[in-house]
Amino acid sequence: MFEDIFLRKKAVPEKLDAYGFRKIRNHRKYDTDILNDEFRLEITIGKNSVPDTTLTEIATGEEYGLYKTEAVGTFVGEVRTAVANILQDIADCCYETAVFKAEQSVALIAYVREKYGDELEYLWDKFPDNAVWRRKDNKKWYGALLTVSRRKLGIPSDEIVEIIDLRAAPEVIENLVDNAHFFPGWHMNKKHWYTIILDGTVSVDEICSRVDESYLLAK
């Protein structure tokens, strides 16, 4: 229940703190009264960024859990709506888009943000797991982050992985692609683009260097 509110989103700790969350060990907590102070709502956010909620009736001190079930009725509907409104406000104020969660993806997003001041652009409503980086001066792409199954890269596995597409000169790609560390550009012109799976096969330092090369080529 309520998971869709936080789909493809990641909590920003500084924003949670500003909102009023209290840090307790490795998680943060926030509580507020709802429905004319009849209930106390406690929200806990851990490392996975998905909130867990506990609702307590203030007069009795008893936990109320029907709002998390498929129960129907006017009252439970009002409770569920009140909780959802609070969670939506937290999502709007304290979360950012976070489709890509692999360790290398997170590192690359931070690298590009710091060096070039660019954020991923999600250009396709039908493909929310695909995004690109574009140069500010000419709007040309120099990198793309995507989510695909290994099988689509020619690997006999249905595991979903995060990948990066980068530019390179044709002669470089011809010598680079080995279908183990570097693959033909996924959904790109394979003469000018190649793909790396962001699973640690290629080091982050090397990928960052290749991002820089791709950025220059996009000029």
N, C-alpha and C. Protein backbone atom coordinates (compact mmCIF):
# COMPACT_ATOMS: atom_id res chain seq x y z
N MET A 1 0.84 -1.20 0.00
CA MET A 1 0.00 0.00 0.00
C MET A 1 0.88 1.25 0.00
N PHE A 2 0.60 2.19 -0.87
CA PHE A 2 1.27 3.48 -1.00
C PHE A 2 2.64 3.41 -1.70
N GLU A 3 3.07 2.20 -2.10
CA GLU A 3 4.39 2.08 -2.73
C GLU A 3 4.49 2.88 -4.02
N ASP A 4 3.38 2.98 -4.76
CA ASP A 4 3.41 3.68 -6.06
C ASP A 4 3.80 5.14 -5.91
N ILE A 5 3.51 5.73 -4.74
CA ILE A 5 3.85 7.14 -4.52
C ILE A 5 5.36 7.35 -4.62
N PHE A 6 6.12 6.32 -4.24
CA PHE A 6 7.57 6.45 -4.17
C PHE A 6 8.28 5.65 -5.26
N LEU A 7 7.53 5.24 -6.27
CA LEU A 7 8.11 4.48 -7.36
C LEU A 7 9.14 5.34 -8.10
N ARG A 8 10.33 4.77 -8.32
CA ARG A 8 11.42 5.46 -9.02
C ARG A 8 11.83 6.76 -8.33
N LYS A 9 11.76 6.77 -7.01
CA LYS A 9 12.17 7.94 -6.25
C LYS A 9 13.14 7.54 -5.14
N LYS A 10 13.98 8.49 -4.75
CA LYS A 10 14.95 8.26 -3.69
C LYS A 10 14.90 9.42 -2.72
N ALA A 11 14.92 9.11 -1.42
CA ALA A 11 14.88 10.14 -0.40
C ALA A 11 16.18 10.94 -0.39
N VAL A 12 16.05 12.24 -0.17
CA VAL A 12 17.21 13.12 -0.02
C VAL A 12 17.34 13.44 1.47
N PRO A 13 18.36 12.92 2.15
CA PRO A 13 18.46 13.07 3.61
C PRO A 13 18.33 14.51 4.10
N GLU A 14 18.97 15.45 3.42
CA GLU A 14 18.92 16.84 3.86
C GLU A 14 17.50 17.39 3.81
N LYS A 15 16.75 16.96 2.79
CA LYS A 15 15.37 17.44 2.67
C LYS A 15 14.48 16.79 3.72
N LEU A 16 14.75 15.53 4.05
CA LEU A 16 14.00 14.87 5.13
C LEU A 16 14.23 15.61 6.45
N ASP A 17 15.47 15.97 6.69
CA ASP A 17 15.79 16.69 7.93
C ASP A 17 15.06 18.03 7.99
N ALA A 18 15.05 18.74 6.87
CA ALA A 18 14.37 20.04 6.83
C ALA A 18 12.86 19.89 7.00
N TYR A 19 12.33 18.76 6.56
CA TYR A 19 10.88 18.51 6.68
C TYR A 19 10.49 18.24 8.12
N GLY A 20 11.44 17.75 8.92
CA GLY A 20 11.13 17.46 10.32
C GLY A 20 11.41 16.04 10.75
N PHE A 21 12.02 15.25 9.87
CA PHE A 21 12.37 13.88 10.23
C PHE A 21 13.53 13.89 11.25
N ARG A 22 13.49 12.94 12.17
CA ARG A 22 14.53 12.78 13.17
C ARG A 22 15.41 11.58 12.79
N LYS A 23 16.70 11.74 12.82
CA LYS A 23 17.60 10.64 12.50
C LYS A 23 17.79 9.76 13.72
N ILE A 24 17.50 8.47 13.56
CA ILE A 24 17.67 7.49 14.63
C ILE A 24 18.45 6.31 14.06
N ARG A 25 19.70 6.22 14.43
CA ARG A 25 20.61 5.21 13.89
C ARG A 25 20.63 5.29 12.36
N ASN A 26 20.18 4.21 11.69
CA ASN A 26 20.29 4.19 10.22
C ASN A 26 18.95 4.46 9.53
N HIS A 27 18.02 5.09 10.24
CA HIS A 27 16.76 5.46 9.62
C HIS A 27 16.28 6.80 10.17
N ARG A 28 15.22 7.31 9.57
CA ARG A 28 14.64 8.58 9.99
C ARG A 28 13.16 8.41 10.29
N LYS A 29 12.69 9.17 11.29
CA LYS A 29 11.29 9.07 11.71
C LYS A 29 10.63 10.44 11.73
N TYR A 30 9.34 10.40 11.45
CA TYR A 30 8.53 11.62 11.48
C TYR A 30 7.14 11.24 11.97
N ASP A 31 6.54 12.07 12.80
CA ASP A 31 5.17 11.76 13.22
C ASP A 31 4.32 13.03 13.20
N THR A 32 3.04 12.83 12.96
CA THR A 32 2.09 13.93 12.89
C THR A 32 0.70 13.41 13.22
N ASP A 33 -0.15 14.30 13.70
CA ASP A 33 -1.53 13.92 14.00
C ASP A 33 -2.40 14.19 12.78
N ILE A 34 -3.36 13.31 12.53
CA ILE A 34 -4.25 13.46 11.38
C ILE A 34 -5.69 13.25 11.79
N LEU A 35 -6.59 13.61 10.91
CA LEU A 35 -8.04 13.46 11.12
C LEU A 35 -8.48 14.07 12.44
N ASN A 36 -8.29 15.37 12.53
CA ASN A 36 -8.69 16.14 13.72
C ASN A 36 -8.05 15.58 14.99
N ASP A 37 -6.81 15.20 14.86
CA ASP A 37 -6.01 14.71 15.99
C ASP A 37 -6.56 13.42 16.59
N GLU A 38 -7.28 12.65 15.80
CA GLU A 38 -7.76 11.36 16.29
C GLU A 38 -6.67 10.29 16.21
N PHE A 39 -5.76 10.45 15.25
CA PHE A 39 -4.73 9.45 15.03
C PHE A 39 -3.35 10.09 14.99
N ARG A 40 -2.36 9.33 15.46
CA ARG A 40 -0.96 9.73 15.34
C ARG A 40 -0.32 8.85 14.27
N LEU A 41 0.20 9.48 13.22
CA LEU A 41 0.85 8.78 12.11
C LEU A 41 2.35 8.86 12.29
N GLU A 42 3.00 7.70 12.35
CA GLU A 42 4.46 7.64 12.44
C GLU A 42 5.02 7.07 11.15
N ILE A 43 5.97 7.78 10.56
CA ILE A 43 6.56 7.39 9.28
C ILE A 43 8.04 7.11 9.49
N THR A 44 8.48 5.94 9.07
CA THR A 44 9.88 5.54 9.20
C THR A 44 10.47 5.28 7.82
N ILE A 45 11.61 5.88 7.55
CA ILE A 45 12.28 5.72 6.25
C ILE A 45 13.67 5.16 6.49
N GLY A 46 13.94 4.00 5.90
CA GLY A 46 15.25 3.36 6.02
C GLY A 46 16.07 3.54 4.77
N LYS A 47 17.06 2.67 4.56
CA LYS A 47 17.98 2.80 3.45
C LYS A 47 17.32 2.64 2.09
N ASN A 48 16.22 1.86 2.03
CA ASN A 48 15.59 1.64 0.73
C ASN A 48 14.68 2.78 0.30
N SER A 49 14.56 3.81 1.14
CA SER A 49 13.81 5.03 0.83
C SER A 49 12.29 4.85 0.81
N VAL A 50 11.80 3.63 1.00
CA VAL A 50 10.34 3.40 0.99
C VAL A 50 9.82 3.53 2.42
N PRO A 51 8.91 4.46 2.69
CA PRO A 51 8.44 4.67 4.05
C PRO A 51 7.58 3.52 4.57
N ASP A 52 7.70 3.28 5.86
CA ASP A 52 6.81 2.37 6.57
C ASP A 52 5.97 3.22 7.51
N THR A 53 4.68 2.96 7.58
CA THR A 53 3.80 3.79 8.39
C THR A 53 3.15 2.98 9.51
N THR A 54 2.95 3.64 10.63
CA THR A 54 2.21 3.07 11.75
C THR A 54 1.19 4.11 12.20
N LEU A 55 -0.05 3.69 12.34
CA LEU A 55 -1.13 4.59 12.71
C LEU A 55 -1.70 4.15 14.06
N THR A 56 -1.75 5.07 15.00
CA THR A 56 -2.23 4.76 16.35
C THR A 56 -3.39 5.67 16.71
N GLU A 57 -4.44 5.09 17.26
CA GLU A 57 -5.56 5.88 17.74
C GLU A 57 -5.16 6.53 19.05
N ILE A 58 -5.19 7.86 19.10
CA ILE A 58 -4.67 8.60 20.24
C ILE A 58 -5.47 8.31 21.52
N ALA A 59 -6.78 8.21 21.41
CA ALA A 59 -7.62 8.02 22.60
C ALA A 59 -7.37 6.69 23.29
N THR A 60 -7.11 5.64 22.50
CA THR A 60 -6.96 4.30 23.07
C THR A 60 -5.53 3.80 23.09
N GLY A 61 -4.68 4.41 22.27
CA GLY A 61 -3.31 3.93 22.16
C GLY A 61 -3.17 2.67 21.34
N GLU A 62 -4.26 2.26 20.68
CA GLU A 62 -4.24 1.04 19.88
C GLU A 62 -3.87 1.33 18.43
N GLU A 63 -3.12 0.39 17.85
CA GLU A 63 -2.72 0.54 16.46
C GLU A 63 -3.91 0.26 15.54
N TYR A 64 -4.05 1.08 14.49
CA TYR A 64 -5.11 0.92 13.50
C TYR A 64 -4.46 0.51 12.18
N GLY A 65 -4.78 -0.68 11.72
CA GLY A 65 -4.10 -1.18 10.53
C GLY A 65 -4.98 -1.42 9.33
N LEU A 66 -6.28 -1.17 9.43
CA LEU A 66 -7.18 -1.45 8.32
C LEU A 66 -6.83 -0.66 7.06
N TYR A 67 -6.24 0.53 7.24
CA TYR A 67 -5.95 1.37 6.08
C TYR A 67 -4.90 0.74 5.17
N LYS A 68 -4.16 -0.26 5.68
CA LYS A 68 -3.15 -0.94 4.87
C LYS A 68 -3.71 -2.16 4.15
N THR A 69 -4.97 -2.46 4.37
CA THR A 69 -5.59 -3.63 3.77
C THR A 69 -6.51 -3.21 2.63
N GLU A 70 -7.23 -4.18 2.08
CA GLU A 70 -8.19 -3.90 1.01
C GLU A 70 -9.58 -3.58 1.57
N ALA A 71 -9.65 -3.35 2.87
CA ALA A 71 -10.94 -3.05 3.51
C ALA A 71 -11.60 -1.84 2.86
N VAL A 72 -12.92 -1.88 2.74
CA VAL A 72 -13.66 -0.77 2.14
C VAL A 72 -14.60 -0.16 3.17
N GLY A 73 -15.02 1.04 2.90
CA GLY A 73 -15.91 1.74 3.82
C GLY A 73 -15.54 3.21 3.85
N THR A 74 -16.50 4.03 4.25
CA THR A 74 -16.28 5.47 4.24
C THR A 74 -15.15 5.88 5.18
N PHE A 75 -15.15 5.35 6.40
CA PHE A 75 -14.16 5.78 7.38
C PHE A 75 -12.75 5.33 7.00
N VAL A 76 -12.61 4.05 6.67
CA VAL A 76 -11.28 3.56 6.32
C VAL A 76 -10.77 4.27 5.07
N GLY A 77 -11.70 4.64 4.18
CA GLY A 77 -11.30 5.39 2.99
C GLY A 77 -10.77 6.77 3.34
N GLU A 78 -11.39 7.42 4.32
CA GLU A 78 -10.92 8.73 4.77
C GLU A 78 -9.53 8.63 5.40
N VAL A 79 -9.35 7.58 6.20
CA VAL A 79 -8.04 7.37 6.84
C VAL A 79 -6.97 7.14 5.78
N ARG A 80 -7.27 6.28 4.83
CA ARG A 80 -6.31 5.95 3.77
C ARG A 80 -5.95 7.19 2.97
N THR A 81 -6.94 8.02 2.66
CA THR A 81 -6.69 9.25 1.91
C THR A 81 -5.83 10.22 2.69
N ALA A 82 -6.10 10.35 4.01
CA ALA A 82 -5.31 11.25 4.84
C ALA A 82 -3.86 10.82 4.90
N VAL A 83 -3.62 9.52 5.03
CA VAL A 83 -2.25 9.00 5.06
C VAL A 83 -1.58 9.23 3.71
N ALA A 84 -2.30 8.94 2.64
CA ALA A 84 -1.74 9.11 1.29
C ALA A 84 -1.36 10.56 1.02
N ASN A 85 -2.17 11.49 1.50
CA ASN A 85 -1.87 12.92 1.28
C ASN A 85 -0.57 13.33 1.97
N ILE A 86 -0.36 12.82 3.19
CA ILE A 86 0.88 13.12 3.91
C ILE A 86 2.08 12.53 3.16
N LEU A 87 1.94 11.28 2.75
CA LEU A 87 3.05 10.61 2.05
C LEU A 87 3.35 11.29 0.71
N GLN A 88 2.31 11.74 0.01
CA GLN A 88 2.53 12.42 -1.27
C GLN A 88 3.28 13.72 -1.06
N ASP A 89 2.95 14.44 0.02
CA ASP A 89 3.64 15.69 0.31
C ASP A 89 5.11 15.43 0.63
N ILE A 90 5.38 14.36 1.36
CA ILE A 90 6.77 14.01 1.67
C ILE A 90 7.51 13.64 0.39
N ALA A 91 6.85 12.87 -0.49
CA ALA A 91 7.48 12.50 -1.76
C ALA A 91 7.80 13.74 -2.59
N ASP A 92 6.88 14.70 -2.62
CA ASP A 92 7.09 15.92 -3.41
C ASP A 92 8.20 16.80 -2.83
N CYS A 93 8.29 16.84 -1.50
CA CYS A 93 9.22 17.76 -0.85
C CYS A 93 10.60 17.16 -0.57
N CYS A 94 10.67 15.85 -0.42
CA CYS A 94 11.89 15.24 0.11
C CYS A 94 12.52 14.19 -0.78
N TYR A 95 11.94 13.92 -1.95
CA TYR A 95 12.45 12.85 -2.80
C TYR A 95 12.85 13.41 -4.16
N GLU A 96 13.74 12.68 -4.83
CA GLU A 96 14.13 13.00 -6.19
C GLU A 96 14.00 11.75 -7.05
N THR A 97 13.91 11.97 -8.35
CA THR A 97 13.81 10.84 -9.27
C THR A 97 15.06 9.97 -9.17
N ALA A 98 14.85 8.67 -9.05
CA ALA A 98 15.99 7.74 -8.89
C ALA A 98 15.66 6.42 -9.55
N VAL A 99 15.64 6.43 -10.87
CA VAL A 99 15.38 5.20 -11.60
C VAL A 99 16.57 4.25 -11.46
N PHE A 100 17.76 4.82 -11.49
CA PHE A 100 18.97 4.00 -11.52
C PHE A 100 19.57 3.89 -10.13
N LYS A 101 19.72 2.65 -9.67
CA LYS A 101 20.14 2.42 -8.29
C LYS A 101 21.42 1.61 -8.16
N ALA A 102 21.96 1.11 -9.26
CA ALA A 102 23.21 0.37 -9.20
C ALA A 102 24.31 1.29 -8.67
N GLU A 103 25.24 0.73 -7.93
CA GLU A 103 26.29 1.54 -7.30
C GLU A 103 27.06 2.36 -8.33
N GLN A 104 27.38 1.76 -9.47
CA GLN A 104 28.12 2.50 -10.49
C GLN A 104 27.26 3.58 -11.14
N SER A 105 25.98 3.30 -11.31
CA SER A 105 25.08 4.31 -11.88
C SER A 105 25.03 5.54 -10.99
N VAL A 106 24.89 5.31 -9.68
CA VAL A 106 24.83 6.42 -8.72
C VAL A 106 26.13 7.22 -8.76
N ALA A 107 27.25 6.52 -8.85
CA ALA A 107 28.55 7.21 -8.90
C ALA A 107 28.69 8.04 -10.17
N LEU A 108 28.23 7.52 -11.30
CA LEU A 108 28.34 8.25 -12.56
C LEU A 108 27.42 9.47 -12.59
N ILE A 109 26.23 9.32 -12.05
CA ILE A 109 25.31 10.46 -11.98
C ILE A 109 25.93 11.58 -11.16
N ALA A 110 26.55 11.22 -10.05
CA ALA A 110 27.20 12.22 -9.20
C ALA A 110 28.39 12.85 -9.92
N TYR A 111 29.15 12.04 -10.67
CA TYR A 111 30.32 12.54 -11.39
C TYR A 111 29.91 13.56 -12.45
N VAL A 112 28.91 13.22 -13.25
CA VAL A 112 28.46 14.12 -14.31
C VAL A 112 27.87 15.40 -13.72
N ARG A 113 27.14 15.26 -12.63
CA ARG A 113 26.54 16.44 -11.98
C ARG A 113 27.63 17.39 -11.50
N GLU A 114 28.68 16.83 -10.90
CA GLU A 114 29.74 17.68 -10.34
C GLU A 114 30.61 18.28 -11.44
N LYS A 115 30.95 17.50 -12.46
CA LYS A 115 31.89 17.99 -13.47
C LYS A 115 31.23 18.85 -14.53
N TYR A 116 30.05 18.45 -14.98
CA TYR A 116 29.42 19.16 -16.09
C TYR A 116 28.13 19.90 -15.71
N GLY A 117 27.66 19.68 -14.51
CA GLY A 117 26.43 20.34 -14.08
C GLY A 117 25.21 19.84 -14.80
N ASP A 118 25.27 18.63 -15.34
CA ASP A 118 24.16 18.09 -16.12
C ASP A 118 23.39 17.05 -15.30
N GLU A 119 22.08 17.05 -15.50
CA GLU A 119 21.22 16.05 -14.88
C GLU A 119 20.65 15.15 -15.97
N LEU A 120 20.33 13.94 -15.61
CA LEU A 120 19.69 13.03 -16.56
C LEU A 120 18.36 13.60 -17.01
N GLU A 121 18.06 13.41 -18.28
CA GLU A 121 16.77 13.83 -18.83
C GLU A 121 15.98 12.59 -19.24
N TYR A 122 14.77 12.51 -18.71
CA TYR A 122 13.89 11.37 -19.02
C TYR A 122 12.95 11.83 -20.13
N LEU A 123 13.26 11.43 -21.35
CA LEU A 123 12.60 12.00 -22.53
C LEU A 123 11.38 11.21 -23.00
N TRP A 124 11.22 9.98 -22.52
CA TRP A 124 10.18 9.14 -23.09
C TRP A 124 9.24 8.61 -22.01
N ASP A 125 7.98 9.02 -22.07
CA ASP A 125 6.99 8.55 -21.10
C ASP A 125 6.81 7.04 -21.17
N LYS A 126 6.94 6.48 -22.37
CA LYS A 126 6.75 5.04 -22.53
C LYS A 126 7.95 4.24 -22.06
N PHE A 127 9.08 4.92 -21.86
CA PHE A 127 10.29 4.23 -21.43
C PHE A 127 10.89 4.98 -20.23
N PRO A 128 10.25 4.90 -19.07
CA PRO A 128 10.70 5.67 -17.91
C PRO A 128 12.03 5.21 -17.33
N ASP A 129 12.52 4.04 -17.79
CA ASP A 129 13.80 3.54 -17.29
C ASP A 129 14.97 3.92 -18.19
N ASN A 130 14.73 4.84 -19.13
CA ASN A 130 15.77 5.31 -20.04
C ASN A 130 15.97 6.81 -19.87
N ALA A 131 17.21 7.24 -19.86
CA ALA A 131 17.48 8.68 -19.70
C ALA A 131 18.80 9.01 -20.40
N VAL A 132 18.99 10.29 -20.68
CA VAL A 132 20.20 10.72 -21.41
C VAL A 132 20.81 11.95 -20.75
N TRP A 133 22.10 12.13 -21.03
CA TRP A 133 22.79 13.38 -20.73
C TRP A 133 23.02 14.12 -22.04
N ARG A 134 22.78 15.43 -22.03
CA ARG A 134 23.01 16.25 -23.22
C ARG A 134 23.90 17.43 -22.87
N ARG A 135 24.75 17.78 -23.84
CA ARG A 135 25.55 18.99 -23.67
C ARG A 135 24.63 20.21 -23.64
N LYS A 136 25.01 21.21 -22.86
CA LYS A 136 24.18 22.42 -22.77
C LYS A 136 24.29 23.27 -24.04
N ASP A 137 25.46 23.24 -24.70
CA ASP A 137 25.68 24.17 -25.81
C ASP A 137 24.99 23.74 -27.10
N ASN A 138 24.95 22.44 -27.39
CA ASN A 138 24.35 22.03 -28.66
C ASN A 138 23.26 20.96 -28.52
N LYS A 139 22.98 20.58 -27.25
CA LYS A 139 21.90 19.62 -26.94
C LYS A 139 22.18 18.21 -27.48
N LYS A 140 23.40 17.94 -27.87
CA LYS A 140 23.74 16.60 -28.34
C LYS A 140 23.95 15.66 -27.16
N TRP A 141 23.50 14.42 -27.34
CA TRP A 141 23.68 13.42 -26.31
C TRP A 141 25.15 13.02 -26.21
N TYR A 142 25.62 12.82 -24.99
CA TYR A 142 26.95 12.24 -24.83
C TYR A 142 26.92 11.01 -23.93
N GLY A 143 25.76 10.67 -23.43
CA GLY A 143 25.64 9.47 -22.63
C GLY A 143 24.18 9.12 -22.42
N ALA A 144 23.93 7.83 -22.21
CA ALA A 144 22.57 7.38 -21.92
C ALA A 144 22.63 6.27 -20.88
N LEU A 145 21.75 6.35 -19.91
CA LEU A 145 21.59 5.27 -18.94
C LEU A 145 20.29 4.55 -19.25
N LEU A 146 20.36 3.23 -19.28
CA LEU A 146 19.19 2.43 -19.64
C LEU A 146 19.14 1.18 -18.77
N THR A 147 17.97 0.56 -18.75
CA THR A 147 17.77 -0.69 -18.03
C THR A 147 17.30 -1.75 -19.02
N VAL A 148 18.07 -2.83 -19.14
CA VAL A 148 17.75 -3.89 -20.10
C VAL A 148 18.08 -5.25 -19.48
N SER A 149 17.63 -6.29 -20.13
CA SER A 149 18.04 -7.63 -19.69
C SER A 149 19.37 -7.97 -20.35
N ARG A 150 20.15 -8.78 -19.68
CA ARG A 150 21.44 -9.19 -20.25
C ARG A 150 21.25 -9.88 -21.60
N ARG A 151 20.13 -10.58 -21.75
CA ARG A 151 19.90 -11.32 -22.98
C ARG A 151 19.88 -10.40 -24.19
N LYS A 152 19.41 -9.18 -24.01
CA LYS A 152 19.36 -8.25 -25.14
C LYS A 152 20.75 -7.77 -25.56
N LEU A 153 21.73 -8.04 -24.71
CA LEU A 153 23.11 -7.71 -25.07
C LEU A 153 23.86 -8.95 -25.56
N GLY A 154 23.10 -10.04 -25.74
CA GLY A 154 23.71 -11.27 -26.24
C GLY A 154 24.20 -12.20 -25.16
N ILE A 155 23.83 -11.93 -23.91
CA ILE A 155 24.24 -12.77 -22.78
C ILE A 155 23.07 -13.67 -22.39
N PRO A 156 23.28 -14.96 -22.22
CA PRO A 156 22.18 -15.87 -21.92
C PRO A 156 21.67 -15.76 -20.49
N SER A 157 21.01 -14.64 -20.19
CA SER A 157 20.45 -14.42 -18.86
C SER A 157 19.35 -13.38 -18.97
N ASP A 158 18.29 -13.56 -18.17
CA ASP A 158 17.19 -12.59 -18.17
C ASP A 158 17.33 -11.57 -17.05
N GLU A 159 18.47 -11.56 -16.39
CA GLU A 159 18.70 -10.59 -15.32
C GLU A 159 18.63 -9.16 -15.87
N ILE A 160 17.92 -8.29 -15.17
CA ILE A 160 17.82 -6.89 -15.57
C ILE A 160 19.03 -6.14 -15.02
N VAL A 161 19.70 -5.41 -15.90
CA VAL A 161 20.89 -4.66 -15.49
C VAL A 161 20.79 -3.22 -15.99
N GLU A 162 21.59 -2.37 -15.37
CA GLU A 162 21.69 -0.98 -15.81
C GLU A 162 22.94 -0.84 -16.68
N ILE A 163 22.80 -0.10 -17.77
CA ILE A 163 23.90 0.05 -18.71
C ILE A 163 24.11 1.52 -19.06
N ILE A 164 25.27 1.81 -19.61
CA ILE A 164 25.54 3.15 -20.11
C ILE A 164 25.98 3.04 -21.57
N ASP A 165 25.43 3.92 -22.40
CA ASP A 165 25.85 4.04 -23.80
C ASP A 165 26.71 5.29 -23.93
N LEU A 166 27.85 5.15 -24.60
CA LEU A 166 28.77 6.26 -24.77
C LEU A 166 29.24 6.35 -26.22
N ARG A 167 29.65 7.54 -26.60
CA ARG A 167 30.20 7.77 -27.94
C ARG A 167 31.69 7.38 -27.99
N ALA A 168 32.12 7.00 -29.18
CA ALA A 168 33.56 6.80 -29.44
C ALA A 168 33.76 6.83 -30.95
N ALA A 169 34.98 7.06 -31.37
CA ALA A 169 35.30 7.05 -32.79
C ALA A 169 35.12 5.63 -33.33
N PRO A 170 34.67 5.48 -34.58
CA PRO A 170 34.43 4.15 -35.15
C PRO A 170 35.61 3.20 -35.01
N GLU A 171 36.82 3.71 -35.25
CA GLU A 171 37.98 2.83 -35.16
C GLU A 171 38.25 2.38 -33.73
N VAL A 172 37.89 3.22 -32.77
CA VAL A 172 38.04 2.84 -31.37
C VAL A 172 37.03 1.75 -31.01
N ILE A 173 35.78 1.93 -31.43
CA ILE A 173 34.74 0.95 -31.12
C ILE A 173 35.08 -0.40 -31.74
N GLU A 174 35.61 -0.36 -32.95
CA GLU A 174 35.94 -1.61 -33.65
C GLU A 174 36.93 -2.45 -32.84
N ASN A 175 37.86 -1.79 -32.18
CA ASN A 175 38.86 -2.50 -31.39
C ASN A 175 38.42 -2.72 -29.94
N LEU A 176 37.42 -1.94 -29.52
CA LEU A 176 37.02 -1.97 -28.12
C LEU A 176 36.02 -3.08 -27.81
N VAL A 177 35.03 -3.24 -28.66
CA VAL A 177 33.93 -4.17 -28.38
C VAL A 177 34.44 -5.60 -28.32
N ASP A 178 34.21 -6.24 -27.16
CA ASP A 178 34.63 -7.63 -26.98
C ASP A 178 33.48 -8.51 -26.48
N ASN A 179 32.29 -7.89 -26.30
CA ASN A 179 31.09 -8.61 -25.83
C ASN A 179 31.29 -9.26 -24.46
N ALA A 180 32.23 -8.72 -23.72
CA ALA A 180 32.44 -9.17 -22.35
C ALA A 180 32.52 -7.95 -21.42
N HIS A 181 33.34 -6.98 -21.82
CA HIS A 181 33.45 -5.72 -21.08
C HIS A 181 32.73 -4.58 -21.81
N PHE A 182 32.81 -4.61 -23.13
CA PHE A 182 32.22 -3.57 -23.96
C PHE A 182 31.36 -4.23 -25.04
N PHE A 183 30.18 -3.64 -25.27
CA PHE A 183 29.20 -4.23 -26.19
C PHE A 183 28.81 -3.20 -27.25
N PRO A 184 28.28 -3.68 -28.38
CA PRO A 184 27.75 -2.72 -29.37
C PRO A 184 26.69 -1.83 -28.74
N GLY A 185 26.62 -0.58 -29.17
CA GLY A 185 25.69 0.37 -28.58
C GLY A 185 24.25 -0.12 -28.62
N TRP A 186 23.64 -0.22 -27.45
CA TRP A 186 22.26 -0.67 -27.35
C TRP A 186 21.32 0.46 -27.77
N HIS A 187 20.48 0.20 -28.78
CA HIS A 187 19.53 1.18 -29.30
C HIS A 187 20.23 2.42 -29.83
N MET A 188 21.46 2.29 -30.24
CA MET A 188 22.21 3.41 -30.79
C MET A 188 22.89 2.96 -32.08
N ASN A 189 23.41 3.94 -32.81
CA ASN A 189 24.21 3.65 -33.99
C ASN A 189 25.49 2.94 -33.54
N LYS A 190 25.61 1.67 -33.88
CA LYS A 190 26.70 0.86 -33.35
C LYS A 190 28.07 1.25 -33.92
N LYS A 191 28.07 2.10 -34.93
CA LYS A 191 29.33 2.59 -35.47
C LYS A 191 29.92 3.67 -34.57
N HIS A 192 29.05 4.37 -33.86
CA HIS A 192 29.49 5.53 -33.08
C HIS A 192 29.25 5.39 -31.57
N TRP A 193 28.53 4.33 -31.16
CA TRP A 193 28.21 4.16 -29.74
C TRP A 193 28.55 2.76 -29.28
N TYR A 194 28.89 2.63 -28.02
CA TYR A 194 29.11 1.32 -27.41
C TYR A 194 28.48 1.31 -26.03
N THR A 195 28.37 0.12 -25.45
CA THR A 195 27.65 -0.08 -24.19
C THR A 195 28.55 -0.73 -23.14
N ILE A 196 28.38 -0.29 -21.90
CA ILE A 196 29.04 -0.92 -20.75
C ILE A 196 27.97 -1.30 -19.75
N ILE A 197 28.03 -2.52 -19.23
CA ILE A 197 27.12 -2.93 -18.16
C ILE A 197 27.67 -2.39 -16.84
N LEU A 198 26.81 -1.75 -16.06
CA LEU A 198 27.26 -1.10 -14.83
C LEU A 198 27.19 -2.09 -13.65
N ASP A 199 27.99 -3.14 -13.76
CA ASP A 199 28.00 -4.19 -12.75
C ASP A 199 29.37 -4.41 -12.15
N GLY A 200 30.30 -3.48 -12.42
CA GLY A 200 31.64 -3.60 -11.88
C GLY A 200 32.64 -4.26 -12.81
N THR A 201 32.18 -4.75 -13.95
CA THR A 201 33.09 -5.38 -14.90
C THR A 201 34.15 -4.39 -15.37
N VAL A 202 33.73 -3.15 -15.59
CA VAL A 202 34.65 -2.06 -15.92
C VAL A 202 34.64 -1.09 -14.75
N SER A 203 35.80 -0.62 -14.32
CA SER A 203 35.88 0.23 -13.13
C SER A 203 35.20 1.58 -13.35
N VAL A 204 34.75 2.17 -12.27
CA VAL A 204 34.12 3.49 -12.34
C VAL A 204 35.09 4.52 -12.88
N ASP A 205 36.34 4.46 -12.45
CA ASP A 205 37.34 5.44 -12.92
C ASP A 205 37.48 5.39 -14.44
N GLU A 206 37.52 4.18 -14.99
CA GLU A 206 37.64 4.06 -16.44
C GLU A 206 36.39 4.58 -17.13
N ILE A 207 35.23 4.26 -16.58
CA ILE A 207 33.98 4.73 -17.21
C ILE A 207 33.91 6.24 -17.17
N CYS A 208 34.32 6.85 -16.07
CA CYS A 208 34.32 8.32 -15.98
C CYS A 208 35.21 8.93 -17.06
N SER A 209 36.37 8.32 -17.26
CA SER A 209 37.27 8.80 -18.31
C SER A 209 36.61 8.68 -19.68
N ARG A 210 35.88 7.61 -19.89
CA ARG A 210 35.20 7.42 -21.17
C ARG A 210 34.01 8.35 -21.33
N VAL A 211 33.38 8.73 -20.22
CA VAL A 211 32.32 9.75 -20.26
C VAL A 211 32.92 11.06 -20.76
N ASP A 212 34.10 11.41 -20.26
CA ASP A 212 34.77 12.64 -20.69
C ASP A 212 35.06 12.62 -22.19
N GLU A 213 35.51 11.47 -22.68
CA GLU A 213 35.79 11.35 -24.11
C GLU A 213 34.51 11.50 -24.92
N SER A 214 33.43 10.90 -24.42
CA SER A 214 32.14 10.98 -25.12
C SER A 214 31.63 12.41 -25.14
N TYR A 215 31.83 13.11 -24.03
CA TYR A 215 31.41 14.51 -23.93
C TYR A 215 32.11 15.37 -25.00
N LEU A 216 33.40 15.15 -25.14
CA LEU A 216 34.17 15.91 -26.15
C LEU A 216 33.72 15.56 -27.57
N LEU A 217 33.45 14.30 -27.82
CA LEU A 217 33.00 13.88 -29.16
C LEU A 217 31.63 14.50 -29.52
N ALA A 218 30.81 14.72 -28.50
CA ALA A 218 29.47 15.28 -28.77
C ALA A 218 29.57 16.75 -29.19
N LYS A 219 30.73 17.36 -29.06
CA LYS A 219 30.91 18.74 -29.51
C LYS A 219 30.93 18.82 -31.01
